[in-house]
């Protein structure tokens, strides 16, 4: 029984050894330079971090993300069905009808999402802000 776990143990040892070895090599061979303020600022996409730290996103962005996760999980279910399909052929049309009914329900949900406009980005409302008025001198 323990011989079955030998490849897993070997892979674990190699993975930990690689991680520790990479960190040790970087520490030993890496350049040591002077600290400066420029080295300690955040770096993202070649731009200096100027402006608000938390940009505002539309609710539609989160809606599309949740719908993507939902439909993605359904595809995972279809994949597992396809894997066992050949083994379950003794049930005849039952397994095929069950999958087509599942796809039908999923399609109705997709049509509902389209009808509600959750995937329509053309009608994004602009946030209206109050105009900035300069103070008047009395």
N, C-alpha and C. Protein backbone atom coordinates (compact mmCIF):
# COMPACT_ATOMS: atom_id res chain seq x y z
N UNK A 1 0.83 -1.20 0.00
CA UNK A 1 0.00 0.00 0.00
C UNK A 1 0.87 1.25 0.00
N UNK A 2 1.93 1.25 0.78
CA UNK A 2 2.79 2.42 0.84
C UNK A 2 3.55 2.65 -0.46
N UNK A 3 3.78 1.60 -1.21
CA UNK A 3 4.48 1.74 -2.49
C UNK A 3 3.64 2.53 -3.49
N UNK A 4 2.31 2.54 -3.31
CA UNK A 4 1.44 3.31 -4.19
C UNK A 4 1.65 4.82 -4.01
N UNK A 5 2.05 5.22 -2.82
CA UNK A 5 2.22 6.65 -2.53
C UNK A 5 3.64 7.14 -2.79
N UNK A 6 4.53 6.27 -3.21
CA UNK A 6 5.91 6.65 -3.46
C UNK A 6 6.03 7.73 -4.55
N UNK A 7 5.33 7.64 -5.69
CA UNK A 7 5.43 8.71 -6.69
C UNK A 7 4.94 10.06 -6.17
N UNK A 8 3.89 10.03 -5.35
CA UNK A 8 3.37 11.28 -4.80
C UNK A 8 4.40 11.89 -3.84
N UNK A 9 5.01 11.06 -3.01
CA UNK A 9 6.02 11.54 -2.08
C UNK A 9 7.24 12.07 -2.83
N UNK A 10 7.63 11.38 -3.89
CA UNK A 10 8.75 11.84 -4.70
C UNK A 10 8.45 13.19 -5.35
N UNK A 11 7.27 13.35 -5.87
CA UNK A 11 6.89 14.62 -6.50
C UNK A 11 6.84 15.73 -5.46
N UNK A 12 6.36 15.45 -4.28
CA UNK A 12 6.32 16.44 -3.21
C UNK A 12 7.73 16.87 -2.81
N UNK A 13 8.65 15.92 -2.70
CA UNK A 13 10.03 16.24 -2.35
C UNK A 13 10.69 17.08 -3.44
N UNK A 14 10.45 16.73 -4.70
CA UNK A 14 11.04 17.49 -5.80
C UNK A 14 10.46 18.91 -5.84
N UNK A 15 9.16 19.06 -5.62
CA UNK A 15 8.53 20.38 -5.66
C UNK A 15 9.05 21.26 -4.53
N UNK A 16 9.13 20.73 -3.33
CA UNK A 16 9.64 21.51 -2.20
C UNK A 16 11.12 21.82 -2.41
N UNK A 17 11.87 20.85 -2.89
CA UNK A 17 13.30 21.08 -3.17
C UNK A 17 13.51 22.15 -4.22
N UNK A 18 12.67 22.15 -5.27
CA UNK A 18 12.79 23.17 -6.31
C UNK A 18 12.48 24.55 -5.76
N UNK A 19 11.43 24.66 -4.96
CA UNK A 19 11.05 25.96 -4.39
C UNK A 19 12.14 26.49 -3.48
N UNK A 20 12.63 25.66 -2.58
CA UNK A 20 13.69 26.09 -1.65
C UNK A 20 14.97 26.39 -2.41
N UNK A 21 15.31 25.55 -3.38
CA UNK A 21 16.52 25.77 -4.17
C UNK A 21 16.46 27.06 -4.98
N UNK A 22 15.31 27.36 -5.56
CA UNK A 22 15.16 28.60 -6.33
C UNK A 22 15.30 29.82 -5.44
N UNK A 23 14.69 29.78 -4.27
CA UNK A 23 14.81 30.91 -3.33
C UNK A 23 16.24 31.08 -2.85
N UNK A 24 16.91 29.98 -2.55
CA UNK A 24 18.30 30.05 -2.08
C UNK A 24 19.22 30.57 -3.19
N UNK A 25 19.01 30.11 -4.42
CA UNK A 25 19.84 30.59 -5.54
C UNK A 25 19.61 32.07 -5.80
N UNK A 26 18.38 32.53 -5.71
CA UNK A 26 18.09 33.94 -5.92
C UNK A 26 18.73 34.79 -4.83
N UNK A 27 18.70 34.29 -3.61
CA UNK A 27 19.32 35.02 -2.49
C UNK A 27 20.84 35.06 -2.64
N UNK A 28 21.42 33.96 -3.06
CA UNK A 28 22.88 33.89 -3.15
C UNK A 28 23.42 34.60 -4.39
N UNK A 29 22.74 34.50 -5.51
CA UNK A 29 23.26 35.03 -6.76
C UNK A 29 22.68 36.39 -7.14
N UNK A 30 21.66 36.83 -6.46
CA UNK A 30 21.00 38.08 -6.82
C UNK A 30 21.87 39.29 -6.54
N UNK A 31 21.61 40.37 -7.31
CA UNK A 31 22.36 41.60 -7.12
C UNK A 31 21.92 42.29 -5.85
N UNK A 32 22.87 42.83 -5.18
CA UNK A 32 22.58 43.61 -3.99
C UNK A 32 22.85 45.07 -4.34
N UNK A 33 21.83 45.87 -4.35
CA UNK A 33 21.97 47.28 -4.70
C UNK A 33 21.51 48.17 -3.56
N UNK A 34 21.59 49.41 -3.82
CA UNK A 34 21.14 50.39 -2.83
C UNK A 34 19.62 50.46 -2.84
N UNK A 35 19.07 50.67 -1.68
CA UNK A 35 17.63 50.90 -1.58
C UNK A 35 17.32 52.33 -1.99
N UNK A 36 16.25 52.48 -2.72
CA UNK A 36 15.80 53.82 -3.09
C UNK A 36 14.28 53.83 -3.05
N UNK A 37 13.72 55.02 -3.07
CA UNK A 37 12.26 55.14 -3.03
C UNK A 37 11.63 54.54 -4.28
N UNK A 38 12.33 54.65 -5.41
CA UNK A 38 11.79 54.12 -6.67
C UNK A 38 11.68 52.60 -6.64
N UNK A 39 12.54 51.93 -5.88
CA UNK A 39 12.47 50.47 -5.80
C UNK A 39 11.31 49.98 -4.96
N UNK A 40 10.80 50.83 -4.09
CA UNK A 40 9.77 50.39 -3.16
C UNK A 40 8.36 50.80 -3.57
N UNK A 41 8.19 51.47 -4.72
CA UNK A 41 6.84 51.80 -5.14
C UNK A 41 6.26 50.62 -5.91
N UNK A 42 4.94 50.58 -5.94
CA UNK A 42 4.26 49.49 -6.66
C UNK A 42 4.49 49.66 -8.15
N UNK A 43 4.61 48.54 -8.85
CA UNK A 43 4.83 48.57 -10.30
C UNK A 43 3.74 47.76 -10.96
N UNK A 44 3.04 48.40 -11.86
CA UNK A 44 1.99 47.67 -12.56
C UNK A 44 1.90 48.16 -13.99
N UNK A 45 2.15 47.30 -14.92
CA UNK A 45 2.01 47.57 -16.35
C UNK A 45 2.84 48.76 -16.81
N UNK A 46 3.94 49.05 -16.16
CA UNK A 46 4.80 50.13 -16.60
C UNK A 46 4.29 51.52 -16.28
N UNK A 47 3.25 51.63 -15.48
CA UNK A 47 2.70 52.94 -15.13
C UNK A 47 2.96 53.25 -13.67
N UNK A 48 3.17 54.52 -13.41
CA UNK A 48 3.30 54.94 -12.02
C UNK A 48 1.94 54.87 -11.34
N UNK A 49 1.92 54.46 -10.08
CA UNK A 49 0.64 54.37 -9.37
C UNK A 49 0.12 55.75 -8.97
N UNK A 50 -0.61 56.37 -9.88
CA UNK A 50 -1.18 57.69 -9.62
C UNK A 50 -2.70 57.56 -9.70
N UNK A 51 -3.39 58.19 -8.80
CA UNK A 51 -4.85 58.18 -8.83
C UNK A 51 -5.41 57.31 -7.73
N UNK A 52 -6.71 57.08 -7.79
CA UNK A 52 -7.35 56.28 -6.74
C UNK A 52 -6.89 54.83 -6.79
N UNK A 53 -6.80 54.23 -5.63
CA UNK A 53 -6.33 52.85 -5.58
C UNK A 53 -7.42 51.85 -5.95
N UNK A 54 -8.67 52.20 -5.73
CA UNK A 54 -9.77 51.31 -6.04
C UNK A 54 -10.62 51.91 -7.15
N UNK A 55 -10.41 51.50 -8.41
CA UNK A 55 -11.25 52.05 -9.48
C UNK A 55 -12.68 51.55 -9.35
N UNK A 56 -13.60 52.35 -9.82
CA UNK A 56 -15.02 51.96 -9.74
C UNK A 56 -15.39 51.15 -10.97
N UNK A 57 -16.06 50.04 -10.74
CA UNK A 57 -16.53 49.19 -11.83
C UNK A 57 -18.05 49.21 -11.85
N UNK A 58 -18.58 49.05 -13.04
CA UNK A 58 -20.02 48.98 -13.18
C UNK A 58 -20.53 47.66 -12.60
N UNK A 59 -21.77 47.67 -12.19
CA UNK A 59 -22.39 46.45 -11.66
C UNK A 59 -22.47 45.39 -12.76
N UNK A 60 -22.57 45.83 -14.01
CA UNK A 60 -22.65 44.88 -15.12
C UNK A 60 -21.38 44.03 -15.22
N UNK A 61 -20.26 44.61 -14.84
CA UNK A 61 -19.01 43.85 -14.85
C UNK A 61 -19.12 42.64 -13.92
N UNK A 62 -19.62 42.84 -12.73
CA UNK A 62 -19.78 41.74 -11.77
C UNK A 62 -20.86 40.78 -12.22
N UNK A 63 -21.89 41.30 -12.86
CA UNK A 63 -22.97 40.45 -13.35
C UNK A 63 -22.45 39.48 -14.42
N UNK A 64 -21.67 40.00 -15.35
CA UNK A 64 -21.10 39.15 -16.39
C UNK A 64 -20.16 38.12 -15.78
N UNK A 65 -19.38 38.52 -14.77
CA UNK A 65 -18.46 37.59 -14.12
C UNK A 65 -19.23 36.45 -13.45
N UNK A 66 -20.32 36.78 -12.75
CA UNK A 66 -21.10 35.74 -12.08
C UNK A 66 -21.77 34.82 -13.10
N UNK A 67 -22.27 35.39 -14.19
CA UNK A 67 -22.89 34.56 -15.22
C UNK A 67 -21.87 33.65 -15.88
N UNK A 68 -20.67 34.15 -16.09
CA UNK A 68 -19.62 33.32 -16.66
C UNK A 68 -19.33 32.13 -15.75
N UNK A 69 -19.21 32.38 -14.46
CA UNK A 69 -18.94 31.29 -13.51
C UNK A 69 -20.09 30.29 -13.53
N UNK A 70 -21.31 30.78 -13.56
CA UNK A 70 -22.47 29.90 -13.56
C UNK A 70 -22.48 28.99 -14.79
N UNK A 71 -22.31 29.58 -15.97
CA UNK A 71 -22.35 28.76 -17.20
C UNK A 71 -21.10 27.90 -17.32
N UNK A 72 -20.01 28.33 -16.75
CA UNK A 72 -18.78 27.54 -16.78
C UNK A 72 -18.95 26.27 -15.94
N UNK A 73 -19.60 26.39 -14.81
CA UNK A 73 -19.83 25.22 -13.95
C UNK A 73 -20.76 24.23 -14.66
N UNK A 74 -21.70 24.73 -15.42
CA UNK A 74 -22.59 23.84 -16.16
C UNK A 74 -21.82 23.05 -17.22
N UNK A 75 -20.83 23.66 -17.83
CA UNK A 75 -20.02 22.96 -18.83
C UNK A 75 -19.20 21.86 -18.16
N UNK A 76 -18.76 22.09 -16.94
CA UNK A 76 -18.03 21.05 -16.20
C UNK A 76 -18.95 19.84 -15.98
N UNK A 77 -20.22 20.08 -15.70
CA UNK A 77 -21.17 18.98 -15.55
C UNK A 77 -21.33 18.23 -16.87
N UNK A 78 -21.37 18.96 -17.97
CA UNK A 78 -21.52 18.30 -19.28
C UNK A 78 -20.29 17.45 -19.60
N UNK A 79 -19.13 17.91 -19.20
CA UNK A 79 -17.91 17.14 -19.46
C UNK A 79 -17.95 15.80 -18.73
N UNK A 80 -18.35 15.82 -17.47
CA UNK A 80 -18.42 14.56 -16.72
C UNK A 80 -19.47 13.64 -17.31
N UNK A 81 -20.57 14.21 -17.79
CA UNK A 81 -21.59 13.39 -18.45
C UNK A 81 -21.02 12.72 -19.69
N UNK A 82 -20.25 13.46 -20.46
CA UNK A 82 -19.68 12.91 -21.68
C UNK A 82 -18.68 11.79 -21.37
N UNK A 83 -17.98 11.89 -20.26
CA UNK A 83 -17.02 10.86 -19.89
C UNK A 83 -17.71 9.54 -19.57
N UNK A 84 -18.84 9.59 -18.86
CA UNK A 84 -19.53 8.36 -18.48
C UNK A 84 -20.60 7.95 -19.48
N UNK A 85 -20.76 8.68 -20.56
CA UNK A 85 -21.81 8.39 -21.52
C UNK A 85 -21.69 6.99 -22.10
N UNK A 86 -20.47 6.61 -22.48
CA UNK A 86 -20.27 5.31 -23.11
C UNK A 86 -20.57 4.16 -22.14
N UNK A 87 -20.26 4.38 -20.86
CA UNK A 87 -20.52 3.34 -19.87
C UNK A 87 -22.01 3.21 -19.56
N UNK A 88 -22.77 4.27 -19.74
CA UNK A 88 -24.18 4.28 -19.36
C UNK A 88 -25.13 4.04 -20.54
N UNK A 89 -24.62 3.50 -21.62
CA UNK A 89 -25.46 3.29 -22.81
C UNK A 89 -26.55 2.24 -22.59
N UNK A 90 -26.45 1.43 -21.53
CA UNK A 90 -27.48 0.43 -21.29
C UNK A 90 -28.81 1.07 -20.91
N UNK A 91 -28.79 2.34 -20.52
CA UNK A 91 -30.03 3.03 -20.17
C UNK A 91 -30.73 3.58 -21.40
N UNK A 92 -30.11 3.43 -22.56
CA UNK A 92 -30.76 3.82 -23.81
C UNK A 92 -30.93 5.32 -23.95
N UNK A 93 -32.14 5.71 -24.31
CA UNK A 93 -32.42 7.13 -24.57
C UNK A 93 -32.53 7.96 -23.29
N UNK A 94 -32.64 7.33 -22.16
CA UNK A 94 -32.83 8.07 -20.90
C UNK A 94 -31.68 9.04 -20.64
N UNK A 95 -30.47 8.57 -20.84
CA UNK A 95 -29.32 9.42 -20.55
C UNK A 95 -29.21 10.56 -21.56
N UNK A 96 -29.58 10.31 -22.81
CA UNK A 96 -29.54 11.36 -23.84
C UNK A 96 -30.64 12.40 -23.58
N UNK A 97 -31.84 11.93 -23.25
CA UNK A 97 -32.95 12.83 -22.98
C UNK A 97 -32.66 13.69 -21.74
N UNK A 98 -32.04 13.09 -20.74
CA UNK A 98 -31.72 13.87 -19.55
C UNK A 98 -30.73 14.99 -19.87
N UNK A 99 -29.75 14.72 -20.72
CA UNK A 99 -28.79 15.77 -21.07
C UNK A 99 -29.44 16.85 -21.92
N UNK A 100 -30.28 16.45 -22.88
CA UNK A 100 -30.94 17.46 -23.70
C UNK A 100 -31.92 18.30 -22.88
N UNK A 101 -32.55 17.71 -21.89
CA UNK A 101 -33.42 18.52 -21.02
C UNK A 101 -32.57 19.49 -20.19
N UNK A 102 -31.42 19.05 -19.74
CA UNK A 102 -30.51 19.94 -19.00
C UNK A 102 -30.04 21.09 -19.89
N UNK A 103 -29.68 20.78 -21.13
CA UNK A 103 -29.25 21.82 -22.07
C UNK A 103 -30.42 22.77 -22.36
N UNK A 104 -31.62 22.24 -22.46
CA UNK A 104 -32.79 23.08 -22.69
C UNK A 104 -33.03 24.06 -21.55
N UNK A 105 -32.93 23.56 -20.32
CA UNK A 105 -33.10 24.44 -19.15
C UNK A 105 -31.99 25.49 -19.12
N UNK A 106 -30.79 25.10 -19.45
CA UNK A 106 -29.67 26.03 -19.51
C UNK A 106 -29.89 27.08 -20.59
N UNK A 107 -30.44 26.66 -21.73
CA UNK A 107 -30.72 27.59 -22.82
C UNK A 107 -31.81 28.59 -22.44
N UNK A 108 -32.83 28.13 -21.73
CA UNK A 108 -33.88 29.03 -21.25
C UNK A 108 -33.28 30.07 -20.30
N UNK A 109 -32.38 29.64 -19.43
CA UNK A 109 -31.69 30.58 -18.54
C UNK A 109 -30.86 31.58 -19.32
N UNK A 110 -30.21 31.12 -20.36
CA UNK A 110 -29.40 32.02 -21.21
C UNK A 110 -30.29 33.04 -21.92
N UNK A 111 -31.44 32.59 -22.42
CA UNK A 111 -32.37 33.52 -23.06
C UNK A 111 -32.91 34.54 -22.06
N UNK A 112 -33.16 34.12 -20.83
CA UNK A 112 -33.61 35.03 -19.78
C UNK A 112 -32.56 36.10 -19.51
N UNK A 113 -31.30 35.69 -19.46
CA UNK A 113 -30.21 36.63 -19.23
C UNK A 113 -30.12 37.62 -20.38
N UNK A 114 -30.26 37.14 -21.60
CA UNK A 114 -30.23 38.05 -22.75
C UNK A 114 -31.41 39.01 -22.74
N UNK A 115 -32.60 38.51 -22.39
CA UNK A 115 -33.80 39.36 -22.36
C UNK A 115 -33.68 40.44 -21.29
N UNK A 116 -33.08 40.12 -20.16
CA UNK A 116 -32.90 41.10 -19.09
C UNK A 116 -31.81 42.11 -19.42
N UNK A 117 -30.99 41.81 -20.42
CA UNK A 117 -29.94 42.75 -20.83
C UNK A 117 -28.70 42.69 -19.97
N UNK A 118 -28.47 41.59 -19.30
CA UNK A 118 -27.30 41.48 -18.43
C UNK A 118 -26.01 41.44 -19.22
N UNK A 119 -26.07 41.03 -20.48
CA UNK A 119 -24.86 40.96 -21.30
C UNK A 119 -24.76 42.12 -22.29
N UNK A 120 -25.67 43.09 -22.20
CA UNK A 120 -25.68 44.22 -23.11
C UNK A 120 -24.89 45.38 -22.52
N UNK A 121 -23.77 45.69 -23.13
CA UNK A 121 -22.91 46.76 -22.62
C UNK A 121 -23.09 48.06 -23.39
N UNK A 122 -23.99 48.11 -24.34
CA UNK A 122 -24.13 49.32 -25.14
C UNK A 122 -24.91 50.41 -24.44
N UNK A 123 -25.71 50.07 -23.48
CA UNK A 123 -26.55 51.07 -22.80
C UNK A 123 -26.06 51.33 -21.38
N UNK A 124 -24.78 51.52 -21.23
CA UNK A 124 -24.23 51.80 -19.90
C UNK A 124 -24.52 53.26 -19.58
N UNK A 125 -25.16 53.48 -18.44
CA UNK A 125 -25.49 54.84 -18.05
C UNK A 125 -24.25 55.54 -17.50
N UNK A 126 -24.11 56.79 -17.88
CA UNK A 126 -23.02 57.60 -17.36
C UNK A 126 -23.43 58.15 -16.00
N UNK A 127 -22.48 58.23 -15.11
CA UNK A 127 -22.75 58.80 -13.79
C UNK A 127 -22.72 60.32 -13.94
N UNK A 128 -23.83 60.93 -13.63
CA UNK A 128 -23.89 62.38 -13.71
C UNK A 128 -23.41 62.97 -12.40
N UNK A 129 -22.50 63.88 -12.52
CA UNK A 129 -21.95 64.53 -11.34
C UNK A 129 -22.37 65.99 -11.34
N UNK A 130 -22.49 66.51 -10.17
CA UNK A 130 -22.86 67.92 -10.05
C UNK A 130 -21.71 68.79 -10.56
N UNK A 131 -22.03 69.86 -11.28
CA UNK A 131 -20.96 70.71 -11.81
C UNK A 131 -20.21 71.40 -10.67
N UNK A 132 -18.93 71.57 -10.89
CA UNK A 132 -18.11 72.24 -9.89
C UNK A 132 -18.29 73.74 -10.08
N UNK A 133 -18.69 74.41 -9.03
CA UNK A 133 -18.94 75.85 -9.09
C UNK A 133 -17.84 76.54 -8.30
N UNK A 134 -17.20 77.50 -8.92
CA UNK A 134 -16.15 78.26 -8.24
C UNK A 134 -16.79 79.20 -7.24
N UNK A 135 -16.15 79.35 -6.08
CA UNK A 135 -16.72 80.28 -5.08
C UNK A 135 -16.67 81.71 -5.59
N UNK A 136 -17.74 82.44 -5.32
CA UNK A 136 -17.83 83.82 -5.78
C UNK A 136 -17.31 84.76 -4.70
N UNK A 137 -16.67 85.83 -5.14
CA UNK A 137 -16.18 86.82 -4.20
C UNK A 137 -17.28 87.81 -3.87
N UNK A 138 -17.38 88.15 -2.63
CA UNK A 138 -18.43 89.09 -2.20
C UNK A 138 -17.93 90.50 -2.14
